[in-house]
């Protein structure tokens, strides 16, 4: 598919959507794993089961209306966050995606400290912004032009290190807002797949954090 246009794709090339996180139950509810949580929600909404395949939990299916269905691979790498690049490259290689095809066929979903809690932003290219998973991707894939769905987790309070903050779970009163953001992220992915980057950015790059129930 071509993410710029959202006009579909040749049947032998799938869109790869990657959620970033750390493996294991210990990290499942942490801020760093909101990318995993989004793909798990997408898996349920799109009826694409996630199963262990190689070094990831993966699923494949069709997304979109009957006249614009997109062949989609969902992947949750089972590598540590700072080793996301090699894990994603292995998945892309298995799908037959060349280096030249990656910018138009890969979407990465991840947490972002610089966005307020609940805010979602779609970005077409750019640096890692201090995110070790994105740094690993850029370094390994040798491109910063991978489309990203960034999910705001907010900055840590004074006195708490960023590394400790992202590896801690959301506070109980934050959970409703996080759930609303994850739901919006799944809808944003659908828009990216069927309408393209420009349409998705116009619709989902909200200026204010998402309130529960919106």
N, C-alpha and C. Protein backbone atom coordinates (compact mmCIF):
# COMPACT_ATOMS: atom_id res chain seq x y z
N UNK A 1 0.84 -1.19 0.00
CA UNK A 1 0.00 0.00 0.00
C UNK A 1 0.88 1.24 0.00
N UNK A 2 0.28 2.36 -0.30
CA UNK A 2 1.01 3.62 -0.24
C UNK A 2 0.37 4.47 0.85
N UNK A 3 1.09 4.67 1.95
CA UNK A 3 0.52 5.41 3.08
C UNK A 3 0.23 6.86 2.74
N UNK A 4 0.92 7.39 1.76
CA UNK A 4 0.66 8.77 1.37
C UNK A 4 -0.72 8.91 0.74
N UNK A 5 -1.12 7.90 -0.02
CA UNK A 5 -2.37 8.00 -0.76
C UNK A 5 -3.49 7.19 -0.15
N UNK A 6 -3.16 6.07 0.55
CA UNK A 6 -4.18 5.20 1.10
C UNK A 6 -5.03 4.56 0.04
N UNK A 7 -4.42 4.16 -1.10
CA UNK A 7 -5.18 3.63 -2.24
C UNK A 7 -5.05 2.13 -2.40
N UNK A 8 -4.63 1.44 -1.36
CA UNK A 8 -4.53 0.00 -1.49
C UNK A 8 -3.14 -0.42 -1.90
N UNK A 9 -2.95 -1.72 -2.20
CA UNK A 9 -1.63 -2.25 -2.42
C UNK A 9 -1.69 -3.50 -3.28
N UNK A 10 -0.53 -3.90 -3.78
CA UNK A 10 -0.47 -5.15 -4.49
C UNK A 10 -0.68 -6.29 -3.51
N UNK A 11 -1.30 -7.41 -3.92
CA UNK A 11 -1.67 -8.45 -2.97
C UNK A 11 -0.49 -9.16 -2.32
N UNK A 12 0.71 -9.05 -2.87
CA UNK A 12 1.84 -9.75 -2.30
C UNK A 12 2.62 -8.90 -1.30
N UNK A 13 2.21 -7.67 -1.05
CA UNK A 13 2.90 -6.81 -0.10
C UNK A 13 1.91 -6.34 0.95
N UNK A 14 2.18 -6.65 2.21
CA UNK A 14 1.28 -6.30 3.29
C UNK A 14 1.77 -5.06 4.01
N UNK A 15 0.83 -4.42 4.72
CA UNK A 15 1.23 -3.36 5.64
C UNK A 15 1.59 -4.01 6.97
N UNK A 16 2.72 -3.64 7.51
CA UNK A 16 3.18 -4.14 8.79
C UNK A 16 2.94 -3.08 9.85
N UNK A 17 2.11 -3.40 10.84
CA UNK A 17 1.87 -2.49 11.97
C UNK A 17 2.54 -3.10 13.19
N UNK A 18 3.45 -2.34 13.79
CA UNK A 18 4.24 -2.82 14.92
C UNK A 18 3.88 -2.03 16.17
N UNK A 19 3.59 -2.73 17.24
CA UNK A 19 3.43 -2.09 18.54
C UNK A 19 4.68 -2.32 19.36
N UNK A 20 5.22 -1.25 19.95
CA UNK A 20 6.44 -1.38 20.74
C UNK A 20 6.11 -1.57 22.22
N UNK A 21 6.96 -2.35 22.89
CA UNK A 21 6.79 -2.60 24.31
C UNK A 21 7.87 -3.56 24.79
N UNK A 22 7.76 -3.97 26.03
CA UNK A 22 8.65 -4.97 26.59
C UNK A 22 7.87 -6.26 26.82
N UNK A 23 8.49 -7.42 26.62
CA UNK A 23 7.77 -8.68 26.79
C UNK A 23 7.59 -9.05 28.26
N UNK A 24 6.55 -9.83 28.52
CA UNK A 24 6.34 -10.36 29.87
C UNK A 24 5.24 -9.67 30.64
N UNK A 25 4.61 -10.42 31.54
CA UNK A 25 3.50 -9.89 32.33
C UNK A 25 3.92 -8.72 33.21
N UNK A 26 5.16 -8.71 33.63
CA UNK A 26 5.65 -7.65 34.52
C UNK A 26 5.48 -6.27 33.89
N UNK A 27 5.56 -6.19 32.57
CA UNK A 27 5.54 -4.88 31.90
C UNK A 27 4.22 -4.60 31.19
N UNK A 28 3.27 -5.52 31.27
CA UNK A 28 2.07 -5.42 30.44
C UNK A 28 1.28 -4.14 30.67
N UNK A 29 1.22 -3.66 31.91
CA UNK A 29 0.39 -2.49 32.22
C UNK A 29 1.20 -1.20 32.32
N UNK A 30 2.46 -1.23 31.91
CA UNK A 30 3.30 -0.04 32.06
C UNK A 30 3.07 0.97 30.93
N UNK A 31 3.53 2.17 31.15
CA UNK A 31 3.39 3.23 30.15
C UNK A 31 4.14 2.87 28.86
N UNK A 32 5.29 2.22 29.01
CA UNK A 32 6.10 1.86 27.85
C UNK A 32 5.40 0.87 26.94
N UNK A 33 4.38 0.18 27.43
CA UNK A 33 3.73 -0.89 26.66
C UNK A 33 2.40 -0.47 26.06
N UNK A 34 2.15 0.83 25.99
CA UNK A 34 0.87 1.26 25.41
C UNK A 34 0.80 0.92 23.92
N UNK A 35 1.95 0.77 23.25
CA UNK A 35 1.95 0.31 21.87
C UNK A 35 1.44 -1.12 21.76
N UNK A 36 1.89 -1.99 22.67
CA UNK A 36 1.36 -3.36 22.73
C UNK A 36 -0.15 -3.33 22.95
N UNK A 37 -0.58 -2.50 23.91
CA UNK A 37 -2.00 -2.46 24.26
C UNK A 37 -2.85 -2.05 23.06
N UNK A 38 -2.34 -1.11 22.27
CA UNK A 38 -3.08 -0.67 21.09
C UNK A 38 -3.24 -1.79 20.08
N UNK A 39 -2.18 -2.54 19.82
CA UNK A 39 -2.29 -3.62 18.84
C UNK A 39 -3.16 -4.75 19.36
N UNK A 40 -3.16 -4.97 20.65
CA UNK A 40 -4.07 -5.98 21.21
C UNK A 40 -5.52 -5.55 21.03
N UNK A 41 -5.78 -4.25 21.18
CA UNK A 41 -7.14 -3.74 20.94
C UNK A 41 -7.49 -3.84 19.46
N UNK A 42 -6.54 -3.52 18.58
CA UNK A 42 -6.77 -3.66 17.15
C UNK A 42 -7.02 -5.11 16.76
N UNK A 43 -6.26 -6.01 17.36
CA UNK A 43 -6.44 -7.44 17.09
C UNK A 43 -7.86 -7.88 17.40
N UNK A 44 -8.40 -7.41 18.53
CA UNK A 44 -9.76 -7.78 18.90
C UNK A 44 -10.79 -7.14 17.97
N UNK A 45 -10.60 -5.86 17.64
CA UNK A 45 -11.56 -5.15 16.79
C UNK A 45 -11.59 -5.72 15.38
N UNK A 46 -10.43 -6.09 14.86
CA UNK A 46 -10.34 -6.56 13.49
C UNK A 46 -10.41 -8.08 13.36
N UNK A 47 -10.58 -8.78 14.48
CA UNK A 47 -10.64 -10.25 14.48
C UNK A 47 -9.39 -10.86 13.83
N UNK A 48 -8.24 -10.35 14.24
CA UNK A 48 -6.95 -10.87 13.78
C UNK A 48 -6.21 -11.41 15.00
N UNK A 49 -6.31 -12.70 15.27
CA UNK A 49 -5.65 -13.26 16.47
C UNK A 49 -4.14 -13.09 16.41
N UNK A 50 -3.54 -12.85 17.56
CA UNK A 50 -2.09 -12.75 17.69
C UNK A 50 -1.55 -14.06 18.24
N UNK A 51 -0.59 -14.64 17.51
CA UNK A 51 -0.01 -15.91 17.91
C UNK A 51 1.52 -15.82 17.84
N UNK A 52 2.22 -16.63 18.64
CA UNK A 52 3.69 -16.61 18.58
C UNK A 52 4.19 -17.07 17.21
N UNK A 53 4.96 -16.21 16.57
CA UNK A 53 5.60 -16.53 15.29
C UNK A 53 7.02 -15.99 15.35
N UNK A 54 8.01 -16.87 15.39
CA UNK A 54 9.38 -16.41 15.51
C UNK A 54 9.58 -15.63 16.79
N UNK A 55 10.11 -14.43 16.67
CA UNK A 55 10.39 -13.61 17.84
C UNK A 55 9.33 -12.56 18.10
N UNK A 56 8.07 -12.85 17.77
CA UNK A 56 7.00 -11.87 17.96
C UNK A 56 5.66 -12.57 18.11
N UNK A 57 4.70 -11.83 18.64
CA UNK A 57 3.29 -12.23 18.52
C UNK A 57 2.76 -11.55 17.27
N UNK A 58 2.22 -12.35 16.35
CA UNK A 58 1.82 -11.80 15.06
C UNK A 58 0.44 -12.30 14.65
N UNK A 59 -0.19 -11.52 13.78
CA UNK A 59 -1.45 -11.91 13.18
C UNK A 59 -1.60 -11.24 11.83
N UNK A 60 -2.34 -11.87 10.94
CA UNK A 60 -2.53 -11.33 9.59
C UNK A 60 -3.99 -11.40 9.20
N UNK A 61 -4.49 -10.32 8.58
CA UNK A 61 -5.88 -10.29 8.15
C UNK A 61 -6.15 -9.09 7.29
N UNK A 62 -7.42 -8.90 6.94
CA UNK A 62 -7.84 -7.80 6.10
C UNK A 62 -8.56 -6.74 6.93
N UNK A 63 -8.26 -5.48 6.65
CA UNK A 63 -8.84 -4.37 7.38
C UNK A 63 -9.41 -3.37 6.39
N UNK A 64 -10.59 -2.84 6.69
CA UNK A 64 -11.18 -1.81 5.85
C UNK A 64 -12.48 -2.27 5.21
N UNK A 65 -13.19 -1.35 4.56
CA UNK A 65 -14.45 -1.69 3.89
C UNK A 65 -14.19 -2.63 2.72
N UNK A 66 -15.22 -3.34 2.25
CA UNK A 66 -15.03 -4.36 1.20
C UNK A 66 -14.32 -3.85 -0.05
N UNK A 67 -14.52 -2.59 -0.41
CA UNK A 67 -13.91 -2.08 -1.63
C UNK A 67 -12.51 -1.51 -1.41
N UNK A 68 -12.04 -1.48 -0.14
CA UNK A 68 -10.71 -0.93 0.14
C UNK A 68 -10.00 -1.76 1.21
N UNK A 69 -10.13 -3.06 1.15
CA UNK A 69 -9.51 -3.88 2.18
C UNK A 69 -8.00 -3.93 2.00
N UNK A 70 -7.30 -3.83 3.13
CA UNK A 70 -5.85 -3.82 3.14
C UNK A 70 -5.36 -5.07 3.87
N UNK A 71 -4.38 -5.74 3.27
CA UNK A 71 -3.75 -6.90 3.88
C UNK A 71 -2.79 -6.41 4.96
N UNK A 72 -3.05 -6.77 6.22
CA UNK A 72 -2.33 -6.20 7.35
C UNK A 72 -1.67 -7.29 8.18
N UNK A 73 -0.43 -7.03 8.57
CA UNK A 73 0.28 -7.86 9.55
C UNK A 73 0.44 -7.06 10.83
N UNK A 74 -0.05 -7.59 11.94
CA UNK A 74 0.16 -7.01 13.25
C UNK A 74 1.32 -7.73 13.92
N UNK A 75 2.20 -6.99 14.59
CA UNK A 75 3.36 -7.61 15.22
C UNK A 75 3.70 -6.93 16.54
N UNK A 76 3.89 -7.73 17.57
CA UNK A 76 4.39 -7.27 18.86
C UNK A 76 5.71 -7.98 19.10
N UNK A 77 6.84 -7.33 18.81
CA UNK A 77 8.14 -7.99 19.00
C UNK A 77 8.35 -8.41 20.45
N UNK A 78 8.91 -9.59 20.64
CA UNK A 78 9.17 -10.10 21.98
C UNK A 78 10.61 -9.86 22.39
N UNK A 79 11.19 -8.80 21.84
CA UNK A 79 12.53 -8.36 22.23
C UNK A 79 12.37 -7.18 23.20
N UNK A 80 13.44 -6.87 23.94
CA UNK A 80 13.40 -5.70 24.79
C UNK A 80 13.28 -4.45 23.94
N UNK A 81 12.69 -3.42 24.51
CA UNK A 81 12.41 -2.19 23.76
C UNK A 81 13.64 -1.68 22.99
N UNK A 82 14.81 -1.69 23.64
CA UNK A 82 15.98 -1.12 22.97
C UNK A 82 16.57 -2.03 21.90
N UNK A 83 15.94 -3.20 21.70
CA UNK A 83 16.33 -4.11 20.62
C UNK A 83 15.21 -4.24 19.59
N UNK A 84 14.33 -3.25 19.54
CA UNK A 84 13.18 -3.31 18.62
C UNK A 84 13.60 -3.35 17.16
N UNK A 85 14.68 -2.63 16.81
CA UNK A 85 15.10 -2.54 15.42
C UNK A 85 15.38 -3.89 14.78
N UNK A 86 16.29 -4.71 15.33
CA UNK A 86 16.55 -6.02 14.74
C UNK A 86 15.31 -6.90 14.69
N UNK A 87 14.46 -6.82 15.71
CA UNK A 87 13.24 -7.63 15.71
C UNK A 87 12.31 -7.23 14.57
N UNK A 88 12.13 -5.92 14.38
CA UNK A 88 11.24 -5.46 13.30
C UNK A 88 11.84 -5.76 11.93
N UNK A 89 13.14 -5.62 11.79
CA UNK A 89 13.78 -5.93 10.52
C UNK A 89 13.57 -7.41 10.16
N UNK A 90 13.67 -8.29 11.15
CA UNK A 90 13.46 -9.72 10.88
C UNK A 90 12.04 -9.98 10.39
N UNK A 91 11.07 -9.30 10.99
CA UNK A 91 9.68 -9.47 10.56
C UNK A 91 9.48 -8.92 9.15
N UNK A 92 10.02 -7.73 8.89
CA UNK A 92 9.90 -7.12 7.56
C UNK A 92 10.57 -8.00 6.50
N UNK A 93 11.73 -8.54 6.82
CA UNK A 93 12.43 -9.43 5.88
C UNK A 93 11.58 -10.66 5.57
N UNK A 94 10.95 -11.22 6.60
CA UNK A 94 10.11 -12.40 6.39
C UNK A 94 8.91 -12.10 5.51
N UNK A 95 8.45 -10.85 5.54
CA UNK A 95 7.32 -10.44 4.69
C UNK A 95 7.77 -10.06 3.29
N UNK A 96 9.08 -10.03 3.07
CA UNK A 96 9.60 -9.66 1.76
C UNK A 96 9.62 -8.18 1.50
N UNK A 97 9.62 -7.36 2.56
CA UNK A 97 9.66 -5.91 2.39
C UNK A 97 11.11 -5.45 2.26
N UNK A 98 11.41 -4.80 1.17
CA UNK A 98 12.76 -4.28 0.95
C UNK A 98 12.95 -2.98 1.71
N UNK A 99 14.19 -2.53 1.82
CA UNK A 99 14.48 -1.27 2.50
C UNK A 99 13.73 -0.11 1.85
N UNK A 100 13.60 -0.13 0.54
CA UNK A 100 12.92 0.94 -0.18
C UNK A 100 11.42 0.94 0.10
N UNK A 101 10.85 -0.21 0.43
CA UNK A 101 9.41 -0.31 0.65
C UNK A 101 8.99 0.04 2.08
N UNK A 102 9.93 0.04 3.01
CA UNK A 102 9.58 0.20 4.42
C UNK A 102 8.78 1.47 4.71
N UNK A 103 9.17 2.66 4.19
CA UNK A 103 8.41 3.86 4.54
C UNK A 103 6.93 3.81 4.15
N UNK A 104 6.59 3.08 3.10
CA UNK A 104 5.20 3.02 2.65
C UNK A 104 4.44 1.81 3.17
N UNK A 105 5.12 0.94 3.93
CA UNK A 105 4.46 -0.30 4.34
C UNK A 105 4.58 -0.61 5.82
N UNK A 106 5.17 0.28 6.60
CA UNK A 106 5.35 0.02 8.03
C UNK A 106 4.79 1.18 8.85
N UNK A 107 4.04 0.84 9.89
CA UNK A 107 3.52 1.80 10.87
C UNK A 107 3.95 1.31 12.24
N UNK A 108 4.48 2.21 13.05
CA UNK A 108 4.92 1.86 14.40
C UNK A 108 4.09 2.64 15.42
N UNK A 109 3.60 1.94 16.43
CA UNK A 109 2.80 2.54 17.49
C UNK A 109 3.61 2.50 18.79
N UNK A 110 3.77 3.66 19.45
CA UNK A 110 4.63 3.68 20.64
C UNK A 110 4.24 4.82 21.58
N UNK A 111 4.73 4.72 22.82
CA UNK A 111 4.51 5.74 23.83
C UNK A 111 5.38 6.96 23.56
N UNK A 112 4.96 8.11 24.09
CA UNK A 112 5.73 9.34 23.90
C UNK A 112 5.65 10.20 25.15
N UNK A 113 6.82 10.49 25.74
CA UNK A 113 6.89 11.30 26.95
C UNK A 113 6.56 12.77 26.71
N UNK A 114 6.80 13.24 25.50
CA UNK A 114 6.65 14.67 25.21
C UNK A 114 5.22 15.06 24.86
N UNK A 115 4.33 14.10 24.75
CA UNK A 115 2.92 14.39 24.53
C UNK A 115 2.16 14.25 25.85
N UNK A 116 1.23 15.15 26.12
CA UNK A 116 0.42 15.02 27.34
C UNK A 116 -0.34 13.70 27.36
N UNK A 117 -0.61 13.21 28.54
CA UNK A 117 -1.37 11.98 28.67
C UNK A 117 -2.69 12.07 27.90
N UNK A 118 -2.93 11.08 27.05
CA UNK A 118 -4.16 11.04 26.28
C UNK A 118 -4.08 11.66 24.90
N UNK A 119 -3.00 12.36 24.60
CA UNK A 119 -2.88 12.99 23.29
C UNK A 119 -2.25 12.04 22.28
N UNK A 120 -2.77 12.04 21.08
CA UNK A 120 -2.31 11.16 20.01
C UNK A 120 -1.74 12.02 18.89
N UNK A 121 -0.63 11.57 18.31
CA UNK A 121 -0.05 12.30 17.17
C UNK A 121 0.50 11.32 16.15
N UNK A 122 0.14 11.53 14.91
CA UNK A 122 0.68 10.75 13.79
C UNK A 122 1.82 11.54 13.17
N UNK A 123 2.94 10.87 12.93
CA UNK A 123 4.11 11.54 12.39
C UNK A 123 4.70 10.69 11.27
N UNK A 124 5.08 11.33 10.19
CA UNK A 124 5.56 10.60 9.01
C UNK A 124 7.05 10.31 9.08
N UNK A 125 7.81 11.14 9.76
CA UNK A 125 9.27 10.97 9.82
C UNK A 125 9.81 11.77 10.99
N UNK A 126 11.09 11.57 11.33
CA UNK A 126 11.72 12.34 12.39
C UNK A 126 12.64 11.50 13.24
N UNK A 127 13.32 12.17 14.16
CA UNK A 127 14.28 11.51 15.02
C UNK A 127 13.62 10.72 16.13
N UNK A 128 14.44 10.09 17.00
CA UNK A 128 13.90 9.22 18.05
C UNK A 128 13.26 9.96 19.21
N UNK A 129 13.62 11.22 19.42
CA UNK A 129 13.02 11.97 20.51
C UNK A 129 13.28 11.36 21.88
N UNK A 130 14.43 10.70 22.04
CA UNK A 130 14.77 10.09 23.32
C UNK A 130 14.16 8.73 23.55
N UNK A 131 13.45 8.18 22.56
CA UNK A 131 12.80 6.87 22.71
C UNK A 131 13.75 5.79 22.20
N UNK A 132 14.17 4.89 23.09
CA UNK A 132 15.18 3.90 22.73
C UNK A 132 14.68 2.90 21.69
N UNK A 133 13.40 2.60 21.71
CA UNK A 133 12.86 1.68 20.70
C UNK A 133 12.91 2.29 19.31
N UNK A 134 12.55 3.57 19.21
CA UNK A 134 12.60 4.26 17.92
C UNK A 134 14.04 4.45 17.47
N UNK A 135 14.93 4.74 18.40
CA UNK A 135 16.35 4.86 18.05
C UNK A 135 16.86 3.55 17.46
N UNK A 136 16.49 2.43 18.06
CA UNK A 136 16.90 1.12 17.54
C UNK A 136 16.34 0.89 16.14
N UNK A 137 15.09 1.29 15.92
CA UNK A 137 14.48 1.13 14.59
C UNK A 137 15.21 1.96 13.54
N UNK A 138 15.44 3.24 13.85
CA UNK A 138 16.10 4.12 12.90
C UNK A 138 17.49 3.61 12.57
N UNK A 139 18.22 3.17 13.59
CA UNK A 139 19.58 2.70 13.40
C UNK A 139 19.61 1.43 12.56
N UNK A 140 18.73 0.49 12.87
CA UNK A 140 18.74 -0.81 12.18
C UNK A 140 18.18 -0.72 10.77
N UNK A 141 17.08 0.01 10.61
CA UNK A 141 16.42 0.10 9.31
C UNK A 141 17.05 1.17 8.42
N UNK A 142 17.91 2.01 8.99
CA UNK A 142 18.63 3.05 8.26
C UNK A 142 17.67 4.02 7.58
N UNK A 143 16.60 4.36 8.28
CA UNK A 143 15.67 5.38 7.79
C UNK A 143 14.91 5.96 8.96
N UNK A 144 14.58 7.25 8.87
CA UNK A 144 13.73 7.87 9.88
C UNK A 144 12.37 8.21 9.29
N UNK A 145 12.02 7.57 8.18
CA UNK A 145 10.78 7.88 7.48
C UNK A 145 9.69 6.84 7.69
N UNK A 146 9.75 6.15 8.83
CA UNK A 146 8.70 5.20 9.18
C UNK A 146 7.54 5.95 9.82
N UNK A 147 6.33 5.70 9.36
CA UNK A 147 5.16 6.34 9.93
C UNK A 147 4.94 5.87 11.38
N UNK A 148 4.61 6.81 12.26
CA UNK A 148 4.44 6.49 13.67
C UNK A 148 3.12 7.02 14.20
N UNK A 149 2.51 6.25 15.07
CA UNK A 149 1.38 6.70 15.86
C UNK A 149 1.89 6.83 17.29
N UNK A 150 2.05 8.07 17.75
CA UNK A 150 2.66 8.36 19.05
C UNK A 150 1.55 8.59 20.08
N UNK A 151 1.67 7.92 21.22
CA UNK A 151 0.64 7.96 22.24
C UNK A 151 1.19 8.64 23.49
N UNK A 152 0.59 9.75 23.88
CA UNK A 152 1.11 10.54 24.98
C UNK A 152 0.94 9.88 26.34
N UNK A 153 2.04 9.79 27.08
CA UNK A 153 1.99 9.29 28.46
C UNK A 153 2.40 10.38 29.45
N UNK A 154 2.75 11.56 28.95
CA UNK A 154 3.10 12.68 29.81
C UNK A 154 4.51 12.58 30.38
N UNK A 155 4.97 13.70 30.94
CA UNK A 155 6.30 13.75 31.54
C UNK A 155 6.25 13.26 32.98
N UNK A 156 7.35 12.67 33.47
CA UNK A 156 7.37 12.22 34.87
C UNK A 156 7.36 13.39 35.83
N UNK A 157 6.82 13.19 37.02
CA UNK A 157 6.88 14.25 38.04
C UNK A 157 8.33 14.56 38.42
N UNK A 158 8.55 15.71 38.96
CA UNK A 158 9.89 16.10 39.40
C UNK A 158 10.42 15.09 40.41
N UNK A 159 11.65 14.67 40.19
CA UNK A 159 12.28 13.72 41.09
C UNK A 159 12.19 12.28 40.65
N UNK A 160 11.43 12.00 39.59
CA UNK A 160 11.30 10.63 39.07
C UNK A 160 11.99 10.55 37.72
N UNK A 161 12.89 9.60 37.58
CA UNK A 161 13.62 9.42 36.32
C UNK A 161 12.68 8.92 35.24
N UNK A 162 12.94 9.35 34.00
CA UNK A 162 12.09 8.95 32.88
C UNK A 162 12.04 7.43 32.73
N UNK A 163 13.20 6.77 32.90
CA UNK A 163 13.24 5.31 32.75
C UNK A 163 12.34 4.62 33.77
N UNK A 164 12.33 5.12 34.99
CA UNK A 164 11.46 4.54 36.02
C UNK A 164 10.00 4.83 35.73
N UNK A 165 9.74 6.01 35.21
CA UNK A 165 8.36 6.44 34.93
C UNK A 165 7.72 5.57 33.85
N UNK A 166 8.42 5.33 32.74
CA UNK A 166 7.80 4.57 31.65
C UNK A 166 7.68 3.10 31.99
N UNK A 167 8.44 2.62 32.96
CA UNK A 167 8.35 1.22 33.36
C UNK A 167 7.41 1.02 34.54
N UNK A 168 6.67 2.05 34.90
CA UNK A 168 5.65 1.97 35.95
C UNK A 168 4.26 1.92 35.31
N UNK A 169 3.29 1.31 35.98
CA UNK A 169 1.93 1.27 35.42
C UNK A 169 1.26 2.63 35.50
N UNK A 170 0.22 2.81 34.69
CA UNK A 170 -0.59 4.02 34.78
C UNK A 170 -1.30 4.04 36.14
N UNK A 171 -1.51 5.24 36.65
CA UNK A 171 -2.25 5.39 37.88
C UNK A 171 -3.73 5.07 37.64
N UNK A 172 -4.45 4.60 38.65
CA UNK A 172 -5.86 4.23 38.44
C UNK A 172 -6.70 5.33 37.81
N UNK A 173 -6.46 6.59 38.20
CA UNK A 173 -7.29 7.66 37.63
C UNK A 173 -6.87 8.04 36.21
N UNK A 174 -5.74 7.49 35.73
CA UNK A 174 -5.30 7.73 34.36
C UNK A 174 -5.87 6.71 33.38
N UNK A 175 -6.29 5.56 33.90
CA UNK A 175 -6.67 4.43 33.03
C UNK A 175 -7.80 4.76 32.07
N UNK A 176 -8.89 5.43 32.51
CA UNK A 176 -9.96 5.74 31.54
C UNK A 176 -9.47 6.58 30.37
N UNK A 177 -8.61 7.56 30.64
CA UNK A 177 -8.09 8.41 29.57
C UNK A 177 -7.18 7.61 28.64
N UNK A 178 -6.39 6.71 29.20
CA UNK A 178 -5.52 5.85 28.39
C UNK A 178 -6.36 4.94 27.51
N UNK A 179 -7.42 4.36 28.06
CA UNK A 179 -8.29 3.48 27.28
C UNK A 179 -8.92 4.24 26.11
N UNK A 180 -9.34 5.49 26.37
CA UNK A 180 -9.93 6.30 25.30
C UNK A 180 -8.90 6.60 24.22
N UNK A 181 -7.65 6.87 24.63
CA UNK A 181 -6.58 7.14 23.66
C UNK A 181 -6.29 5.90 22.82
N UNK A 182 -6.24 4.74 23.45
CA UNK A 182 -5.97 3.50 22.72
C UNK A 182 -7.07 3.23 21.70
N UNK A 183 -8.31 3.47 22.09
CA UNK A 183 -9.43 3.27 21.16
C UNK A 183 -9.30 4.22 19.97
N UNK A 184 -8.94 5.47 20.23
CA UNK A 184 -8.74 6.42 19.14
C UNK A 184 -7.56 6.01 18.26
N UNK A 185 -6.54 5.44 18.85
CA UNK A 185 -5.38 5.00 18.08
C UNK A 185 -5.75 3.90 17.09
N UNK A 186 -6.63 2.99 17.49
CA UNK A 186 -7.07 1.94 16.58
C UNK A 186 -7.84 2.55 15.41
N UNK A 187 -8.71 3.52 15.70
CA UNK A 187 -9.43 4.19 14.62
C UNK A 187 -8.48 4.96 13.71
N UNK A 188 -7.44 5.55 14.31
CA UNK A 188 -6.43 6.26 13.51
C UNK A 188 -5.70 5.30 12.58
N UNK A 189 -5.40 4.10 13.06
CA UNK A 189 -4.76 3.10 12.21
C UNK A 189 -5.65 2.73 11.03
N UNK A 190 -6.94 2.57 11.28
CA UNK A 190 -7.87 2.26 10.19
C UNK A 190 -7.87 3.38 9.15
N UNK A 191 -7.86 4.61 9.62
CA UNK A 191 -7.84 5.75 8.71
C UNK A 191 -6.53 5.80 7.93
N UNK A 192 -5.40 5.54 8.60
CA UNK A 192 -4.11 5.48 7.91
C UNK A 192 -4.13 4.46 6.79
N UNK A 193 -4.68 3.30 7.07
CA UNK A 193 -4.68 2.22 6.09
C UNK A 193 -5.55 2.52 4.88
N UNK A 194 -6.71 3.10 5.13
CA UNK A 194 -7.68 3.26 4.04
C UNK A 194 -7.68 4.64 3.40
N UNK A 195 -7.24 5.68 4.15
CA UNK A 195 -7.30 7.05 3.63
C UNK A 195 -5.93 7.69 3.44
N UNK A 196 -4.90 7.16 4.12
CA UNK A 196 -3.56 7.72 3.98
C UNK A 196 -3.18 8.64 5.13
N UNK A 197 -1.91 9.04 5.12
CA UNK A 197 -1.34 9.81 6.22
C UNK A 197 -2.00 11.18 6.38
N UNK A 198 -2.16 11.91 5.29
CA UNK A 198 -2.70 13.27 5.40
C UNK A 198 -4.08 13.28 6.04
N UNK A 199 -4.95 12.39 5.59
CA UNK A 199 -6.30 12.33 6.14
C UNK A 199 -6.27 11.95 7.62
N UNK A 200 -5.43 10.98 7.97
CA UNK A 200 -5.35 10.54 9.36
C UNK A 200 -4.81 11.64 10.27
N UNK A 201 -3.80 12.37 9.79
CA UNK A 201 -3.25 13.46 10.58
C UNK A 201 -4.29 14.56 10.79
N UNK A 202 -5.02 14.89 9.75
CA UNK A 202 -6.05 15.93 9.87
C UNK A 202 -7.13 15.55 10.86
N UNK A 203 -7.45 14.28 10.92
CA UNK A 203 -8.55 13.83 11.77
C UNK A 203 -8.13 13.54 13.21
N UNK A 204 -6.92 13.02 13.39
CA UNK A 204 -6.57 12.47 14.70
C UNK A 204 -5.46 13.21 15.45
N UNK A 205 -4.75 14.12 14.80
CA UNK A 205 -3.72 14.87 15.53
C UNK A 205 -4.38 15.98 16.35
N UNK A 206 -5.07 15.57 17.41
CA UNK A 206 -5.83 16.50 18.23
C UNK A 206 -4.90 17.45 18.97
N UNK A 207 -5.39 18.65 19.22
CA UNK A 207 -4.60 19.65 19.93
C UNK A 207 -4.70 19.50 21.44
N UNK A 208 -5.73 18.80 21.92
CA UNK A 208 -5.91 18.62 23.34
C UNK A 208 -5.95 17.13 23.66
N UNK A 209 -5.53 16.75 24.87
CA UNK A 209 -5.65 15.35 25.28
C UNK A 209 -7.08 14.83 25.14
N UNK A 210 -7.20 13.56 24.82
CA UNK A 210 -8.51 12.94 24.66
C UNK A 210 -9.15 12.74 26.01
N UNK A 211 -10.36 13.23 26.18
CA UNK A 211 -11.07 13.05 27.43
C UNK A 211 -11.82 11.72 27.41
N UNK A 212 -11.99 11.11 28.56
CA UNK A 212 -12.73 9.86 28.65
C UNK A 212 -14.13 10.03 28.07
N UNK A 213 -14.49 9.13 27.14
CA UNK A 213 -15.81 9.16 26.56
C UNK A 213 -15.91 9.92 25.27
N UNK A 214 -14.88 10.65 24.87
CA UNK A 214 -14.94 11.38 23.59
C UNK A 214 -14.78 10.43 22.41
